[in-house]
Structures are given as C-alpha cells and as structure tokens.
C-alpha cells in the first residue's frame, strides 16, 4: 500500500510543492513546527533513512541543500536545521526547519495551524529564493 508521501508525489493528495527531480520531492509540512518547515522525501518508498543506498543518500543531501539555503533567506533564523525521525510515516524523510535554538526542532511542541493562504505565501517565499 502506498504511503501518504507516495500519494502526494503521485498527485493523488495536493501539496505545496517546493522542488522535485527524478529521485526526490520536497513540499511544505502542513503541520509545521515553524513557518518554512519543508519535508524532503525520496520518490522510492524506503521505510528507514539509513536503508537508502549510499548514492541516493548523498544525492538527497545535495538536493536538500539549495532548499535549506532558500529557507534561510526566506525566514528570520540562525540556520536551517535538519531532523530525521521517521516514526509517523513508513517512508524515509527529512525535515528542513528554520531554527534559532535547539528547541525549534522539538517535535513534542504544538504545531502551527496555518491557513491555505498562509501556506501558499510560505511556498512562494521559498520558491522566490530557490
């Protein structure tokens, strides 16, 4: 059965797409920790991050790098943090989040509740710097 991320990649579930290539897909997290929170996933379903091939893992970071730089230019932050947890969806993924402190990566805190218009505005900010 396809994961929710595979359904998003296939276009069966709408998203706020940030970037895509032959191997990866990046889109806004609709339950973000911070404005600018982006999920980056491989198009091939693999449950665990470190079960991805070495080649794909290296490509993944290179795909994410310009997105992280665009996030840093789009939102007031010290840097773009990266987190790999992968417990909620059995499809390897990384979170790119603008951060000013380690607590900004605390997934136990309450998520933001953003409107579709706010998400579209965030998407446009990132795309402008990509």
C-alpha atoms as a PDB file:
ATOM      1  CA  UNK A   1       0.000   0.000   0.000  1.00  0.00           C
ATOM      2  CA  UNK A   2       1.360   3.417  -0.969  1.00  0.00           C
ATOM      3  CA  UNK A   3       2.380   5.779   1.826  1.00  0.00           C
ATOM      4  CA  UNK A   4       0.842   9.224   2.171  1.00  0.00           C
ATOM      5  CA  UNK A   5       4.096  10.633   0.772  1.00  0.00           C
ATOM      6  CA  UNK A   6       3.867   8.419  -2.324  1.00  0.00           C
ATOM      7  CA  UNK A   7       0.290   9.627  -2.806  1.00  0.00           C
ATOM      8  CA  UNK A   8       1.487  13.240  -2.560  1.00  0.00           C
ATOM      9  CA  UNK A   9       4.283  12.586  -5.065  1.00  0.00           C
ATOM     10  CA  UNK A  10       1.787  10.930  -7.444  1.00  0.00           C
ATOM     11  CA  UNK A  11      -0.535  13.947  -7.192  1.00  0.00           C
ATOM     12  CA  UNK A  12      -3.359  11.975  -5.536  1.00  0.00           C
ATOM     13  CA  UNK A  13      -3.101  14.285  -2.497  1.00  0.00           C
ATOM     14  CA  UNK A  14      -2.482  18.005  -3.067  1.00  0.00           C
ATOM     15  CA  UNK A  15       0.562  19.696  -1.566  1.00  0.00           C
ATOM     16  CA  UNK A  16       2.592  22.882  -1.591  1.00  0.00           C
ATOM     17  CA  UNK A  17       5.478  21.665  -3.737  1.00  0.00           C
ATOM     18  CA  UNK A  18       8.880  23.258  -3.305  1.00  0.00           C
ATOM     19  CA  UNK A  19      11.101  21.168  -5.602  1.00  0.00           C
ATOM     20  CA  UNK A  20      11.260  17.902  -7.496  1.00  0.00           C
ATOM     21  CA  UNK A  21      13.695  15.923  -9.570  1.00  0.00           C
ATOM     22  CA  UNK A  22      13.885  12.350 -10.807  1.00  0.00           C
ATOM     23  CA  UNK A  23      14.646  10.935  -7.326  1.00  0.00           C
ATOM     24  CA  UNK A  24      13.243  13.393  -4.749  1.00  0.00           C
ATOM     25  CA  UNK A  25      10.240  15.518  -3.883  1.00  0.00           C
ATOM     26  CA  UNK A  26      10.087  18.438  -1.426  1.00  0.00           C
ATOM     27  CA  UNK A  27       6.918  20.041  -0.077  1.00  0.00           C
ATOM     28  CA  UNK A  28       5.674  22.078   2.860  1.00  0.00           C
ATOM     29  CA  UNK A  29       4.715  20.249   6.020  1.00  0.00           C
ATOM     30  CA  UNK A  30       1.067  21.229   6.563  1.00  0.00           C
ATOM     31  CA  UNK A  31       1.515  20.724  10.321  1.00  0.00           C
ATOM     32  CA  UNK A  32       4.774  22.668  10.690  1.00  0.00           C
ATOM     33  CA  UNK A  33       6.864  23.413  13.731  1.00  0.00           C
ATOM     34  CA  UNK A  34       7.845  26.752  12.158  1.00  0.00           C
ATOM     35  CA  UNK A  35       6.885  28.666   9.046  1.00  0.00           C
ATOM     36  CA  UNK A  36       9.118  27.306   6.292  1.00  0.00           C
ATOM     37  CA  UNK A  37       9.105  23.683   7.526  1.00  0.00           C
ATOM     38  CA  UNK A  38       9.749  21.520   4.453  1.00  0.00           C
ATOM     39  CA  UNK A  39       9.690  17.736   4.053  1.00  0.00           C
ATOM     40  CA  UNK A  40      12.136  16.161   1.603  1.00  0.00           C
ATOM     41  CA  UNK A  41      11.428  12.578   0.550  1.00  0.00           C
ATOM     42  CA  UNK A  42      12.833  10.101  -1.939  1.00  0.00           C
ATOM     43  CA  UNK A  43      10.365   9.029  -4.588  1.00  0.00           C
ATOM     44  CA  UNK A  44      11.180   5.404  -3.860  1.00  0.00           C
ATOM     45  CA  UNK A  45       9.486   4.147  -0.711  1.00  0.00           C
ATOM     46  CA  UNK A  46      12.058   3.065   1.850  1.00  0.00           C
ATOM     47  CA  UNK A  47      10.976   2.881   5.479  1.00  0.00           C
ATOM     48  CA  UNK A  48      14.228   3.758   7.240  1.00  0.00           C
ATOM     49  CA  UNK A  49      16.527   6.656   6.365  1.00  0.00           C
ATOM     50  CA  UNK A  50      19.709   4.606   6.642  1.00  0.00           C
ATOM     51  CA  UNK A  51      18.315   1.811   4.458  1.00  0.00           C
ATOM     52  CA  UNK A  52      18.591   4.186   1.493  1.00  0.00           C
ATOM     53  CA  UNK A  53      21.556   3.408  -0.775  1.00  0.00           C
ATOM     54  CA  UNK A  54      24.761   5.379  -0.241  1.00  0.00           C
ATOM     55  CA  UNK A  55      24.428   7.010  -3.660  1.00  0.00           C
ATOM     56  CA  UNK A  56      20.848   8.104  -3.020  1.00  0.00           C
ATOM     57  CA  UNK A  57      21.712   9.360   0.460  1.00  0.00           C
ATOM     58  CA  UNK A  58      24.449  11.595  -0.963  1.00  0.00           C
ATOM     59  CA  UNK A  59      22.125  12.855  -3.716  1.00  0.00           C
ATOM     60  CA  UNK A  60      19.425  13.518  -1.103  1.00  0.00           C
ATOM     61  CA  UNK A  61      21.619  15.933   0.830  1.00  0.00           C
ATOM     62  CA  UNK A  62      22.690  17.683  -2.365  1.00  0.00           C
ATOM     63  CA  UNK A  63      19.023  18.014  -3.415  1.00  0.00           C
ATOM     64  CA  UNK A  64      18.114  19.452   0.016  1.00  0.00           C
ATOM     65  CA  UNK A  65      20.991  21.952   0.183  1.00  0.00           C
ATOM     66  CA  UNK A  66      19.556  24.705  -2.074  1.00  0.00           C
ATOM     67  CA  UNK A  67      16.174  24.302  -0.379  1.00  0.00           C
ATOM     68  CA  UNK A  68      17.810  24.820   3.024  1.00  0.00           C
ATOM     69  CA  UNK A  69      19.575  27.937   1.708  1.00  0.00           C
ATOM     70  CA  UNK A  70      16.265  29.263   0.345  1.00  0.00           C
ATOM     71  CA  UNK A  71      14.606  28.660   3.728  1.00  0.00           C
ATOM     72  CA  UNK A  72      17.392  30.613   5.446  1.00  0.00           C
ATOM     73  CA  UNK A  73      16.853  33.543   3.055  1.00  0.00           C
ATOM     74  CA  UNK A  74      13.062  33.409   3.451  1.00  0.00           C
ATOM     75  CA  UNK A  75      12.655  33.395   7.237  1.00  0.00           C
ATOM     76  CA  UNK A  76      14.462  35.072  10.143  1.00  0.00           C
ATOM     77  CA  UNK A  77      16.594  32.270  11.569  1.00  0.00           C
ATOM     78  CA  UNK A  78      20.154  31.423  12.556  1.00  0.00           C
ATOM     79  CA  UNK A  79      20.171  28.435  10.201  1.00  0.00           C
ATOM     80  CA  UNK A  80      18.112  25.733   8.593  1.00  0.00           C
ATOM     81  CA  UNK A  81      18.029  22.712  10.883  1.00  0.00           C
ATOM     82  CA  UNK A  82      17.637  19.162   9.682  1.00  0.00           C
ATOM     83  CA  UNK A  83      15.854  16.372  11.509  1.00  0.00           C
ATOM     84  CA  UNK A  84      15.327  12.748  10.622  1.00  0.00           C
ATOM     85  CA  UNK A  85      12.839  10.968  12.848  1.00  0.00           C
ATOM     86  CA  UNK A  86      10.639   8.915  10.554  1.00  0.00           C
ATOM     87  CA  UNK A  87       8.240   7.368  13.051  1.00  0.00           C
ATOM     88  CA  UNK A  88       4.914   8.699  11.757  1.00  0.00           C
ATOM     89  CA  UNK A  89       5.156   7.656   8.095  1.00  0.00           C
ATOM     90  CA  UNK A  90       6.954   4.483   6.935  1.00  0.00           C
ATOM     91  CA  UNK A  91       8.659   6.412   4.118  1.00  0.00           C
ATOM     92  CA  UNK A  92      12.107   7.863   4.810  1.00  0.00           C
ATOM     93  CA  UNK A  93      12.034  11.647   5.024  1.00  0.00           C
ATOM     94  CA  UNK A  94      13.937  14.628   6.349  1.00  0.00           C
ATOM     95  CA  UNK A  95      12.594  17.806   7.880  1.00  0.00           C
ATOM     96  CA  UNK A  96      14.188  21.149   6.970  1.00  0.00           C
ATOM     97  CA  UNK A  97      13.192  23.763   9.544  1.00  0.00           C
ATOM     98  CA  UNK A  98      14.313  27.350  10.123  1.00  0.00           C
ATOM     99  CA  UNK A  99      15.761  27.406  13.648  1.00  0.00           C
ATOM    100  CA  UNK A 100      17.125  29.818  16.212  1.00  0.00           C
ATOM    101  CA  UNK A 101      17.529  27.272  19.018  1.00  0.00           C
ATOM    102  CA  UNK A 102      17.574  23.506  19.502  1.00  0.00           C
ATOM    103  CA  UNK A 103      14.050  23.716  20.910  1.00  0.00           C
ATOM    104  CA  UNK A 104      12.823  24.763  17.463  1.00  0.00           C
ATOM    105  CA  UNK A 105      13.372  21.109  16.474  1.00  0.00           C
ATOM    106  CA  UNK A 106      11.335  19.780  19.402  1.00  0.00           C
ATOM    107  CA  UNK A 107       8.572  17.680  17.828  1.00  0.00           C
ATOM    108  CA  UNK A 108       6.701  17.469  21.141  1.00  0.00           C
ATOM    109  CA  UNK A 109       5.694  21.116  20.948  1.00  0.00           C
ATOM    110  CA  UNK A 110       2.405  22.241  19.448  1.00  0.00           C
ATOM    111  CA  UNK A 111       2.390  22.511  15.658  1.00  0.00           C
ATOM    112  CA  UNK A 112       1.339  25.678  13.856  1.00  0.00           C
ATOM    113  CA  UNK A 113      -2.165  25.873  12.415  1.00  0.00           C
ATOM    114  CA  UNK A 114      -1.819  27.704   9.108  1.00  0.00           C
ATOM    115  CA  UNK A 115      -4.444  28.560   6.533  1.00  0.00           C
ATOM    116  CA  UNK A 116      -4.103  27.553   2.877  1.00  0.00           C
ATOM    117  CA  UNK A 117      -3.357  31.213   2.078  1.00  0.00           C
ATOM    118  CA  UNK A 118      -0.558  31.290   4.658  1.00  0.00           C
ATOM    119  CA  UNK A 119       0.904  28.045   3.302  1.00  0.00           C
ATOM    120  CA  UNK A 120       0.783  29.417  -0.252  1.00  0.00           C
ATOM    121  CA  UNK A 121       2.583  32.577   0.899  1.00  0.00           C
ATOM    122  CA  UNK A 122       5.285  30.491   2.608  1.00  0.00           C
ATOM    123  CA  UNK A 123       5.670  28.367  -0.528  1.00  0.00           C
ATOM    124  CA  UNK A 124       6.072  31.490  -2.671  1.00  0.00           C
ATOM    125  CA  UNK A 125       8.699  32.955  -0.307  1.00  0.00           C
ATOM    126  CA  UNK A 126      10.830  29.815  -0.531  1.00  0.00           C
ATOM    127  CA  UNK A 127      10.388  29.457  -4.292  1.00  0.00           C
ATOM    128  CA  UNK A 128      11.452  33.077  -4.787  1.00  0.00           C
ATOM    129  CA  UNK A 129      14.837  32.233  -3.215  1.00  0.00           C
ATOM    130  CA  UNK A 130      15.289  28.813  -4.794  1.00  0.00           C
END
